[in-house]
Amino acid sequence: MIGKIMAYCGAPTIEAAKLQRSDVKLDAAVPYIVFRSTQDSITGKDRLDRAVPIVGALLDDFRGYVRNHFNKGEGSGFEMQRLFPNLCYGTHSASKRSKVLKSHVKNLRPRDPKLLGPYSLRHTFKDRAPKAGVRTDIAEYLYDHKLKQSSAIHRDYGAKMPASDTLDLMRRIDEISDWGFIEEYDE
């Protein structure tokens, strides 16, 4: 799920890993994820608070994951539970998280010295957004690339841009399946 979140919206690994159950709003009119810059302050960088709508396969995956991993019973404290408790904190959690994510990367080009890694998923979103016709400043806001332009969007909307404002953009980005040049090799 962490890798899917990274590919879906370009979230850095730690931002996806530190999500709490209460950060995923599946029953809202527009389902969304809230990425919080100050929650636990472990990202190592100054980040933007942002609300990213969830569409397509990721929405279905989230609903299944939550249904299978969280109890909404009274007093269960599910709202504050980590979505990925084994991969968010603790001794060497970053290396453990990276190792788990790397185990899911399949190298289809064994002769290519530039192996893909989990962080490549962040750039997948960055490459898909312009192909979907999304303005650069809004794309940077969504994947939390803090620049003057993305910070201006953040300021204009207060703490977070409403998820409804980016719903159509995320649908368009999610539908992109061809977004960049991949060099082919002769056999």
N, C-alpha and C. Protein backbone atom coordinates (compact mmCIF):
# COMPACT_ATOMS: atom_id res chain seq x y z
N MET A 1 0.82 -1.20 0.00
CA MET A 1 0.00 0.00 0.00
C MET A 1 0.87 1.26 0.00
N ILE A 2 1.99 1.24 0.71
CA ILE A 2 2.86 2.42 0.73
C ILE A 2 3.33 2.73 -0.69
N GLY A 3 3.78 1.73 -1.41
CA GLY A 3 4.22 1.93 -2.79
C GLY A 3 3.10 2.41 -3.68
N LYS A 4 1.91 1.90 -3.49
CA LYS A 4 0.76 2.35 -4.29
C LYS A 4 0.45 3.82 -4.03
N ILE A 5 0.54 4.23 -2.78
CA ILE A 5 0.30 5.64 -2.44
C ILE A 5 1.37 6.51 -3.09
N MET A 6 2.62 6.06 -3.04
CA MET A 6 3.72 6.81 -3.64
C MET A 6 3.51 6.97 -5.15
N ALA A 7 3.16 5.90 -5.83
CA ALA A 7 2.95 5.97 -7.28
C ALA A 7 1.72 6.80 -7.61
N TYR A 8 0.70 6.68 -6.79
CA TYR A 8 -0.56 7.37 -7.05
C TYR A 8 -0.43 8.88 -6.98
N CYS A 9 0.21 9.39 -5.92
CA CYS A 9 0.24 10.85 -5.73
C CYS A 9 1.62 11.41 -5.47
N GLY A 10 2.66 10.62 -5.63
CA GLY A 10 4.02 11.12 -5.48
C GLY A 10 4.44 11.40 -4.06
N ALA A 11 3.71 10.88 -3.09
CA ALA A 11 4.07 11.12 -1.69
C ALA A 11 5.43 10.50 -1.39
N PRO A 12 6.28 11.21 -0.64
CA PRO A 12 7.54 10.60 -0.21
C PRO A 12 7.25 9.36 0.65
N THR A 13 8.17 8.44 0.67
CA THR A 13 8.00 7.19 1.41
C THR A 13 7.55 7.42 2.84
N ILE A 14 8.21 8.30 3.56
CA ILE A 14 7.89 8.50 4.97
C ILE A 14 6.50 9.09 5.15
N GLU A 15 6.07 9.95 4.23
CA GLU A 15 4.72 10.52 4.35
C GLU A 15 3.65 9.44 4.21
N ALA A 16 3.85 8.52 3.30
CA ALA A 16 2.90 7.42 3.15
C ALA A 16 2.97 6.49 4.35
N ALA A 17 4.18 6.22 4.82
CA ALA A 17 4.36 5.27 5.92
C ALA A 17 3.81 5.77 7.25
N LYS A 18 3.82 7.06 7.48
CA LYS A 18 3.40 7.58 8.79
C LYS A 18 1.91 7.89 8.88
N LEU A 19 1.15 7.60 7.83
CA LEU A 19 -0.28 7.90 7.86
C LEU A 19 -0.98 7.16 8.99
N GLN A 20 -1.94 7.86 9.58
CA GLN A 20 -2.80 7.25 10.58
C GLN A 20 -4.14 6.95 9.94
N ARG A 21 -4.90 6.06 10.57
CA ARG A 21 -6.21 5.70 10.03
C ARG A 21 -7.07 6.95 9.83
N SER A 22 -6.98 7.91 10.74
CA SER A 22 -7.79 9.13 10.65
C SER A 22 -7.38 10.03 9.49
N ASP A 23 -6.24 9.78 8.86
CA ASP A 23 -5.79 10.58 7.72
C ASP A 23 -6.43 10.14 6.41
N VAL A 24 -7.11 9.02 6.41
CA VAL A 24 -7.74 8.49 5.20
C VAL A 24 -9.25 8.60 5.38
N LYS A 25 -9.85 9.48 4.59
CA LYS A 25 -11.28 9.80 4.71
C LYS A 25 -12.05 9.08 3.61
N LEU A 26 -12.43 7.84 3.87
CA LEU A 26 -13.08 7.02 2.85
C LEU A 26 -14.57 7.29 2.71
N ASP A 27 -15.21 7.84 3.74
CA ASP A 27 -16.65 8.07 3.71
C ASP A 27 -17.03 9.49 3.33
N ALA A 28 -16.07 10.33 3.01
CA ALA A 28 -16.36 11.71 2.61
C ALA A 28 -17.01 11.72 1.23
N ALA A 29 -17.68 12.81 0.88
CA ALA A 29 -18.28 12.94 -0.45
C ALA A 29 -17.21 12.75 -1.53
N VAL A 30 -16.02 13.27 -1.28
CA VAL A 30 -14.85 13.03 -2.12
C VAL A 30 -13.83 12.35 -1.20
N PRO A 31 -13.65 11.02 -1.31
CA PRO A 31 -12.66 10.34 -0.46
C PRO A 31 -11.27 10.96 -0.68
N TYR A 32 -10.51 11.09 0.42
CA TYR A 32 -9.20 11.72 0.30
C TYR A 32 -8.26 11.27 1.40
N ILE A 33 -6.96 11.57 1.17
CA ILE A 33 -5.90 11.33 2.14
C ILE A 33 -5.43 12.70 2.61
N VAL A 34 -5.20 12.85 3.91
CA VAL A 34 -4.62 14.08 4.43
C VAL A 34 -3.16 13.78 4.77
N PHE A 35 -2.28 14.53 4.16
CA PHE A 35 -0.86 14.46 4.50
C PHE A 35 -0.58 15.65 5.40
N ARG A 36 -0.06 15.38 6.59
CA ARG A 36 0.17 16.43 7.58
C ARG A 36 1.66 16.69 7.74
N SER A 37 2.03 17.94 7.60
CA SER A 37 3.45 18.30 7.65
C SER A 37 4.03 18.20 9.05
N THR A 38 3.25 18.52 10.06
CA THR A 38 3.80 18.61 11.40
C THR A 38 3.55 17.37 12.25
N GLN A 39 2.70 16.50 11.80
CA GLN A 39 2.40 15.30 12.58
C GLN A 39 3.67 14.49 12.75
N ASP A 40 4.15 14.44 13.94
CA ASP A 40 5.35 13.69 14.32
C ASP A 40 6.65 14.31 13.82
N SER A 41 6.59 15.23 12.89
CA SER A 41 7.76 15.96 12.40
C SER A 41 8.96 15.06 12.16
N ILE A 42 8.77 13.97 11.44
CA ILE A 42 9.88 13.05 11.20
C ILE A 42 10.33 13.02 9.75
N THR A 43 9.75 13.88 8.91
CA THR A 43 10.07 13.79 7.49
C THR A 43 11.44 14.36 7.15
N GLY A 44 12.00 15.19 8.02
CA GLY A 44 13.31 15.75 7.75
C GLY A 44 13.26 16.96 6.85
N LYS A 45 12.10 17.26 6.28
CA LYS A 45 11.93 18.42 5.41
C LYS A 45 10.66 19.14 5.81
N ASP A 46 10.63 20.41 5.50
CA ASP A 46 9.42 21.18 5.72
C ASP A 46 8.42 20.79 4.63
N ARG A 47 7.29 20.27 5.00
CA ARG A 47 6.30 19.78 4.05
C ARG A 47 5.03 20.61 4.12
N LEU A 48 4.17 20.42 3.12
CA LEU A 48 2.87 21.09 3.07
C LEU A 48 1.79 20.16 3.58
N ASP A 49 0.84 20.71 4.34
CA ASP A 49 -0.38 19.96 4.61
C ASP A 49 -1.17 19.94 3.31
N ARG A 50 -1.71 18.80 2.97
CA ARG A 50 -2.49 18.74 1.73
C ARG A 50 -3.50 17.62 1.79
N ALA A 51 -4.58 17.80 1.05
CA ALA A 51 -5.63 16.80 0.94
C ALA A 51 -5.66 16.32 -0.51
N VAL A 52 -5.43 15.04 -0.71
CA VAL A 52 -5.36 14.47 -2.05
C VAL A 52 -6.53 13.51 -2.23
N PRO A 53 -7.40 13.78 -3.21
CA PRO A 53 -8.53 12.86 -3.42
C PRO A 53 -8.05 11.47 -3.84
N ILE A 54 -8.80 10.46 -3.45
CA ILE A 54 -8.47 9.07 -3.80
C ILE A 54 -9.48 8.60 -4.83
N VAL A 55 -8.99 8.12 -5.97
CA VAL A 55 -9.86 7.62 -7.04
C VAL A 55 -9.33 6.28 -7.54
N GLY A 56 -10.13 5.63 -8.36
CA GLY A 56 -9.70 4.43 -9.05
C GLY A 56 -9.35 3.25 -8.17
N ALA A 57 -8.37 2.50 -8.62
CA ALA A 57 -7.97 1.27 -7.93
C ALA A 57 -7.47 1.53 -6.51
N LEU A 58 -6.81 2.66 -6.28
CA LEU A 58 -6.31 2.94 -4.93
C LEU A 58 -7.47 3.07 -3.94
N LEU A 59 -8.57 3.65 -4.36
CA LEU A 59 -9.73 3.77 -3.48
C LEU A 59 -10.26 2.39 -3.10
N ASP A 60 -10.37 1.51 -4.07
CA ASP A 60 -10.81 0.13 -3.79
C ASP A 60 -9.82 -0.58 -2.87
N ASP A 61 -8.52 -0.40 -3.13
CA ASP A 61 -7.49 -1.03 -2.30
C ASP A 61 -7.55 -0.51 -0.86
N PHE A 62 -7.74 0.79 -0.70
CA PHE A 62 -7.84 1.37 0.65
C PHE A 62 -9.05 0.82 1.39
N ARG A 63 -10.17 0.74 0.72
CA ARG A 63 -11.38 0.23 1.37
C ARG A 63 -11.17 -1.21 1.85
N GLY A 64 -10.57 -2.04 1.02
CA GLY A 64 -10.27 -3.41 1.43
C GLY A 64 -9.27 -3.48 2.56
N TYR A 65 -8.23 -2.67 2.48
CA TYR A 65 -7.19 -2.66 3.51
C TYR A 65 -7.78 -2.25 4.86
N VAL A 66 -8.56 -1.19 4.87
CA VAL A 66 -9.15 -0.71 6.11
C VAL A 66 -10.15 -1.72 6.66
N ARG A 67 -10.97 -2.28 5.78
CA ARG A 67 -11.96 -3.28 6.20
C ARG A 67 -11.27 -4.47 6.88
N ASN A 68 -10.11 -4.87 6.38
CA ASN A 68 -9.42 -6.04 6.89
C ASN A 68 -8.46 -5.77 8.05
N HIS A 69 -8.12 -4.50 8.31
CA HIS A 69 -7.10 -4.21 9.32
C HIS A 69 -7.54 -3.32 10.48
N PHE A 70 -8.75 -2.78 10.42
CA PHE A 70 -9.13 -1.83 11.47
C PHE A 70 -10.51 -2.15 12.02
N ASN A 71 -10.60 -2.06 13.36
CA ASN A 71 -11.85 -2.29 14.08
C ASN A 71 -12.39 -0.95 14.52
N LYS A 72 -13.62 -0.63 14.10
CA LYS A 72 -14.22 0.65 14.47
C LYS A 72 -14.95 0.57 15.80
N GLY A 73 -14.75 -0.48 16.54
CA GLY A 73 -15.46 -0.65 17.80
C GLY A 73 -15.22 0.50 18.76
N GLU A 74 -16.21 0.78 19.58
CA GLU A 74 -16.11 1.87 20.54
C GLU A 74 -14.91 1.67 21.46
N GLY A 75 -14.14 2.72 21.61
CA GLY A 75 -12.98 2.67 22.48
C GLY A 75 -11.77 1.98 21.86
N SER A 76 -11.86 1.59 20.59
CA SER A 76 -10.74 0.89 19.97
C SER A 76 -9.59 1.82 19.61
N GLY A 77 -9.89 3.13 19.54
CA GLY A 77 -8.85 4.10 19.19
C GLY A 77 -8.35 3.95 17.77
N PHE A 78 -9.19 3.41 16.88
CA PHE A 78 -8.76 3.15 15.51
C PHE A 78 -8.31 4.41 14.79
N GLU A 79 -8.86 5.56 15.16
CA GLU A 79 -8.54 6.81 14.46
C GLU A 79 -7.06 7.14 14.56
N MET A 80 -6.43 6.80 15.68
CA MET A 80 -5.03 7.15 15.90
C MET A 80 -4.08 6.00 15.54
N GLN A 81 -4.62 4.92 15.08
CA GLN A 81 -3.76 3.78 14.72
C GLN A 81 -3.00 4.09 13.43
N ARG A 82 -1.77 3.66 13.39
CA ARG A 82 -0.96 3.79 12.18
C ARG A 82 -1.51 2.84 11.12
N LEU A 83 -1.54 3.30 9.88
CA LEU A 83 -1.96 2.42 8.80
C LEU A 83 -0.96 1.30 8.59
N PHE A 84 0.31 1.61 8.75
CA PHE A 84 1.38 0.64 8.50
C PHE A 84 2.30 0.57 9.72
N PRO A 85 1.83 0.01 10.81
CA PRO A 85 2.57 0.07 12.08
C PRO A 85 3.95 -0.58 12.04
N ASN A 86 4.16 -1.56 11.20
CA ASN A 86 5.45 -2.23 11.16
C ASN A 86 6.48 -1.53 10.29
N LEU A 87 6.04 -0.52 9.54
CA LEU A 87 6.96 0.12 8.60
C LEU A 87 7.09 1.62 8.79
N CYS A 88 6.60 2.15 9.91
CA CYS A 88 6.65 3.61 10.03
C CYS A 88 7.70 4.11 10.99
N TYR A 89 7.95 3.45 12.11
CA TYR A 89 8.87 3.97 13.10
C TYR A 89 9.71 2.84 13.68
N GLY A 90 10.65 3.24 14.51
CA GLY A 90 11.45 2.26 15.21
C GLY A 90 12.86 2.21 14.69
N THR A 91 13.66 1.38 15.28
CA THR A 91 15.05 1.23 14.90
C THR A 91 15.16 0.78 13.45
N HIS A 92 15.88 1.53 12.67
CA HIS A 92 16.13 1.22 11.26
C HIS A 92 14.85 1.06 10.45
N SER A 93 13.79 1.76 10.83
CA SER A 93 12.54 1.62 10.09
C SER A 93 12.68 2.06 8.64
N ALA A 94 13.49 3.09 8.37
CA ALA A 94 13.65 3.55 7.00
C ALA A 94 14.29 2.47 6.13
N SER A 95 15.32 1.81 6.65
CA SER A 95 15.96 0.76 5.85
C SER A 95 15.05 -0.45 5.72
N LYS A 96 14.30 -0.77 6.76
CA LYS A 96 13.35 -1.88 6.67
C LYS A 96 12.28 -1.58 5.64
N ARG A 97 11.75 -0.37 5.68
CA ARG A 97 10.70 0.05 4.74
C ARG A 97 11.24 -0.02 3.32
N SER A 98 12.45 0.48 3.12
CA SER A 98 13.06 0.47 1.79
C SER A 98 13.27 -0.96 1.30
N LYS A 99 13.73 -1.83 2.19
CA LYS A 99 13.96 -3.23 1.81
C LYS A 99 12.65 -3.92 1.41
N VAL A 100 11.59 -3.67 2.16
CA VAL A 100 10.28 -4.27 1.84
C VAL A 100 9.79 -3.74 0.50
N LEU A 101 9.88 -2.43 0.28
CA LEU A 101 9.43 -1.86 -0.98
C LEU A 101 10.27 -2.36 -2.16
N LYS A 102 11.59 -2.44 -1.96
CA LYS A 102 12.46 -2.92 -3.05
C LYS A 102 12.13 -4.37 -3.43
N SER A 103 11.65 -5.14 -2.48
CA SER A 103 11.31 -6.54 -2.78
C SER A 103 10.16 -6.66 -3.78
N HIS A 104 9.42 -5.57 -3.97
CA HIS A 104 8.29 -5.57 -4.90
C HIS A 104 8.66 -5.00 -6.27
N VAL A 105 9.89 -4.51 -6.42
CA VAL A 105 10.34 -3.96 -7.69
C VAL A 105 10.87 -5.09 -8.54
N LYS A 106 10.29 -5.25 -9.71
CA LYS A 106 10.73 -6.30 -10.63
C LYS A 106 11.49 -5.64 -11.77
N ASN A 107 12.74 -5.99 -11.92
CA ASN A 107 13.57 -5.43 -12.98
C ASN A 107 13.32 -6.19 -14.27
N LEU A 108 12.60 -5.53 -15.19
CA LEU A 108 12.30 -6.16 -16.48
C LEU A 108 13.41 -5.95 -17.49
N ARG A 109 14.44 -5.20 -17.11
CA ARG A 109 15.57 -4.93 -17.99
C ARG A 109 16.86 -5.24 -17.25
N PRO A 110 17.21 -6.51 -17.11
CA PRO A 110 18.36 -6.91 -16.29
C PRO A 110 19.69 -6.33 -16.75
N ARG A 111 19.82 -5.92 -18.00
CA ARG A 111 21.09 -5.37 -18.47
C ARG A 111 21.18 -3.86 -18.25
N ASP A 112 20.13 -3.26 -17.73
CA ASP A 112 20.11 -1.82 -17.49
C ASP A 112 20.74 -1.54 -16.12
N PRO A 113 21.84 -0.78 -16.07
CA PRO A 113 22.51 -0.52 -14.79
C PRO A 113 21.72 0.43 -13.88
N LYS A 114 20.74 1.14 -14.42
CA LYS A 114 19.95 2.08 -13.62
C LYS A 114 18.72 1.39 -13.07
N LEU A 115 18.90 0.67 -11.99
CA LEU A 115 17.78 -0.05 -11.39
C LEU A 115 16.80 0.92 -10.75
N LEU A 116 15.54 0.57 -10.87
CA LEU A 116 14.50 1.36 -10.23
C LEU A 116 14.50 1.08 -8.74
N GLY A 117 14.07 2.05 -7.98
CA GLY A 117 13.92 1.90 -6.54
C GLY A 117 12.60 2.49 -6.11
N PRO A 118 12.25 2.32 -4.85
CA PRO A 118 10.98 2.85 -4.36
C PRO A 118 10.80 4.35 -4.62
N TYR A 119 11.87 5.12 -4.51
CA TYR A 119 11.74 6.57 -4.70
C TYR A 119 11.34 6.90 -6.14
N SER A 120 11.59 6.00 -7.07
CA SER A 120 11.19 6.22 -8.47
C SER A 120 9.68 6.41 -8.58
N LEU A 121 8.93 5.83 -7.65
CA LEU A 121 7.47 5.97 -7.68
C LEU A 121 7.04 7.42 -7.52
N ARG A 122 7.78 8.17 -6.75
CA ARG A 122 7.47 9.60 -6.57
C ARG A 122 7.58 10.31 -7.91
N HIS A 123 8.59 9.98 -8.68
CA HIS A 123 8.79 10.62 -9.98
C HIS A 123 7.80 10.13 -11.03
N THR A 124 7.24 8.96 -10.83
CA THR A 124 6.20 8.48 -11.73
C THR A 124 5.04 9.47 -11.74
N PHE A 125 4.62 9.91 -10.56
CA PHE A 125 3.54 10.89 -10.48
C PHE A 125 3.96 12.20 -11.14
N LYS A 126 5.17 12.64 -10.86
CA LYS A 126 5.68 13.89 -11.43
C LYS A 126 5.65 13.85 -12.95
N ASP A 127 5.91 12.70 -13.55
CA ASP A 127 5.90 12.56 -15.00
C ASP A 127 4.49 12.41 -15.56
N ARG A 128 3.60 11.78 -14.81
CA ARG A 128 2.23 11.56 -15.30
C ARG A 128 1.39 12.84 -15.27
N ALA A 129 1.62 13.70 -14.29
CA ALA A 129 0.79 14.90 -14.11
C ALA A 129 0.77 15.80 -15.35
N PRO A 130 1.91 16.18 -15.93
CA PRO A 130 1.84 17.05 -17.11
C PRO A 130 1.21 16.35 -18.31
N LYS A 131 1.38 15.03 -18.41
CA LYS A 131 0.73 14.29 -19.50
C LYS A 131 -0.80 14.37 -19.38
N ALA A 132 -1.29 14.55 -18.15
CA ALA A 132 -2.72 14.67 -17.91
C ALA A 132 -3.20 16.12 -18.03
N GLY A 133 -2.28 17.03 -18.33
CA GLY A 133 -2.64 18.43 -18.49
C GLY A 133 -2.78 19.19 -17.18
N VAL A 134 -2.15 18.70 -16.13
CA VAL A 134 -2.23 19.35 -14.81
C VAL A 134 -1.16 20.43 -14.72
N ARG A 135 -1.57 21.61 -14.29
CA ARG A 135 -0.63 22.72 -14.13
C ARG A 135 0.50 22.30 -13.19
N THR A 136 1.70 22.76 -13.49
CA THR A 136 2.88 22.40 -12.71
C THR A 136 2.74 22.78 -11.24
N ASP A 137 2.20 23.96 -10.95
CA ASP A 137 2.10 24.38 -9.55
C ASP A 137 1.15 23.50 -8.76
N ILE A 138 0.07 23.06 -9.38
CA ILE A 138 -0.87 22.18 -8.69
C ILE A 138 -0.27 20.78 -8.52
N ALA A 139 0.41 20.29 -9.55
CA ALA A 139 1.07 18.98 -9.44
C ALA A 139 2.10 19.01 -8.31
N GLU A 140 2.88 20.08 -8.23
CA GLU A 140 3.88 20.20 -7.17
C GLU A 140 3.23 20.23 -5.80
N TYR A 141 2.10 20.88 -5.71
CA TYR A 141 1.35 20.90 -4.44
C TYR A 141 0.92 19.47 -4.08
N LEU A 142 0.37 18.73 -5.05
CA LEU A 142 -0.15 17.39 -4.79
C LEU A 142 0.95 16.42 -4.37
N TYR A 143 2.13 16.50 -4.99
CA TYR A 143 3.19 15.57 -4.60
C TYR A 143 4.17 16.19 -3.62
N ASP A 144 3.82 17.35 -3.10
CA ASP A 144 4.56 18.00 -2.03
C ASP A 144 5.99 18.32 -2.42
N HIS A 145 6.11 18.99 -3.54
CA HIS A 145 7.41 19.54 -3.93
C HIS A 145 7.32 21.01 -3.58
N LYS A 146 7.87 21.37 -2.46
CA LYS A 146 7.67 22.70 -1.90
C LYS A 146 8.52 23.73 -2.63
N LEU A 147 7.84 24.49 -3.44
CA LEU A 147 8.45 25.60 -4.17
C LEU A 147 7.57 26.84 -3.96
N LYS A 148 8.01 27.95 -4.47
CA LYS A 148 7.25 29.18 -4.33
C LYS A 148 5.82 29.02 -4.88
N GLN A 149 5.70 28.35 -6.04
CA GLN A 149 4.40 28.21 -6.68
C GLN A 149 3.47 27.29 -5.89
N SER A 150 3.97 26.15 -5.45
CA SER A 150 3.12 25.22 -4.71
C SER A 150 2.77 25.79 -3.34
N SER A 151 3.67 26.53 -2.74
CA SER A 151 3.39 27.17 -1.45
C SER A 151 2.31 28.24 -1.61
N ALA A 152 2.28 28.92 -2.77
CA ALA A 152 1.25 29.93 -3.01
C ALA A 152 -0.13 29.27 -3.06
N ILE A 153 -0.23 28.11 -3.67
CA ILE A 153 -1.51 27.39 -3.70
C ILE A 153 -1.91 27.03 -2.28
N HIS A 154 -0.96 26.56 -1.51
CA HIS A 154 -1.20 26.20 -0.12
C HIS A 154 -1.72 27.42 0.66
N ARG A 155 -1.09 28.56 0.48
CA ARG A 155 -1.51 29.80 1.16
C ARG A 155 -2.90 30.22 0.73
N ASP A 156 -3.19 30.13 -0.57
CA ASP A 156 -4.49 30.57 -1.09
C ASP A 156 -5.65 29.76 -0.53
N TYR A 157 -5.42 28.51 -0.21
CA TYR A 157 -6.49 27.64 0.28
C TYR A 157 -6.43 27.42 1.78
N GLY A 158 -5.56 28.10 2.47
CA GLY A 158 -5.44 27.86 3.90
C GLY A 158 -4.55 26.66 4.14
N ALA A 159 -4.97 25.79 5.04
CA ALA A 159 -4.14 24.64 5.39
C ALA A 159 -4.06 23.60 4.28
N LYS A 160 -5.16 23.39 3.58
CA LYS A 160 -5.19 22.37 2.53
C LYS A 160 -6.15 22.81 1.42
N MET A 161 -5.79 22.55 0.17
CA MET A 161 -6.72 22.78 -0.93
C MET A 161 -7.85 21.76 -0.78
N PRO A 162 -9.11 22.15 -0.95
CA PRO A 162 -10.20 21.17 -0.84
C PRO A 162 -10.02 20.03 -1.85
N ALA A 163 -10.22 18.80 -1.40
CA ALA A 163 -10.05 17.64 -2.27
C ALA A 163 -10.94 17.73 -3.49
N SER A 164 -12.12 18.33 -3.35
CA SER A 164 -13.04 18.45 -4.48
C SER A 164 -12.43 19.27 -5.62
N ASP A 165 -11.52 20.20 -5.30
CA ASP A 165 -10.89 21.03 -6.33
C ASP A 165 -9.91 20.25 -7.20
N THR A 166 -9.42 19.15 -6.71
CA THR A 166 -8.43 18.39 -7.48
C THR A 166 -8.93 17.00 -7.88
N LEU A 167 -10.19 16.72 -7.63
CA LEU A 167 -10.75 15.40 -7.94
C LEU A 167 -10.61 15.06 -9.42
N ASP A 168 -11.04 15.94 -10.30
CA ASP A 168 -10.95 15.66 -11.73
C ASP A 168 -9.49 15.53 -12.17
N LEU A 169 -8.61 16.35 -11.60
CA LEU A 169 -7.19 16.28 -11.95
C LEU A 169 -6.61 14.91 -11.57
N MET A 170 -6.95 14.43 -10.39
CA MET A 170 -6.43 13.12 -9.96
C MET A 170 -7.00 12.00 -10.82
N ARG A 171 -8.24 12.13 -11.25
CA ARG A 171 -8.81 11.12 -12.16
C ARG A 171 -8.03 11.09 -13.47
N ARG A 172 -7.73 12.28 -14.00
CA ARG A 172 -6.99 12.35 -15.26
C ARG A 172 -5.58 11.78 -15.10
N ILE A 173 -4.92 12.13 -14.00
CA ILE A 173 -3.56 11.61 -13.76
C ILE A 173 -3.60 10.09 -13.61
N ASP A 174 -4.60 9.59 -12.88
CA ASP A 174 -4.72 8.15 -12.63
C ASP A 174 -4.92 7.36 -13.92
N GLU A 175 -5.50 7.98 -14.93
CA GLU A 175 -5.77 7.30 -16.20
C GLU A 175 -4.56 7.26 -17.14
N ILE A 176 -3.52 8.01 -16.84
CA ILE A 176 -2.34 8.06 -17.70
C ILE A 176 -1.57 6.74 -17.59
N SER A 177 -1.35 6.10 -18.72
CA SER A 177 -0.60 4.84 -18.71
C SER A 177 0.68 4.91 -19.54
N ASP A 178 0.86 5.96 -20.33
CA ASP A 178 2.06 6.13 -21.14
C ASP A 178 2.57 7.55 -20.88
N TRP A 179 3.68 7.67 -20.13
CA TRP A 179 4.08 9.00 -19.70
C TRP A 179 5.53 9.36 -19.97
N GLY A 180 6.29 8.49 -20.57
CA GLY A 180 7.68 8.86 -20.79
C GLY A 180 8.40 7.90 -21.70
N PHE A 181 9.55 8.32 -22.13
CA PHE A 181 10.38 7.52 -23.02
C PHE A 181 11.09 6.43 -22.23
N ILE A 182 10.96 5.22 -22.69
CA ILE A 182 11.70 4.08 -22.13
C ILE A 182 12.55 3.50 -23.25
N GLU A 183 13.85 3.50 -23.04
CA GLU A 183 14.75 2.99 -24.06
C GLU A 183 14.63 1.48 -24.17
N GLU A 184 14.47 1.01 -25.38
CA GLU A 184 14.36 -0.44 -25.64
C GLU A 184 15.75 -0.99 -26.00
N TYR A 185 15.95 -2.25 -25.72
CA TYR A 185 17.23 -2.91 -26.06
C TYR A 185 16.96 -4.02 -27.05
N ASP A 186 17.86 -4.16 -28.02
CA ASP A 186 17.78 -5.29 -28.94
C ASP A 186 18.22 -6.54 -28.19
N GLU A 187 17.63 -7.64 -28.53
CA GLU A 187 17.98 -8.93 -27.87
C GLU A 187 19.28 -9.44 -28.39
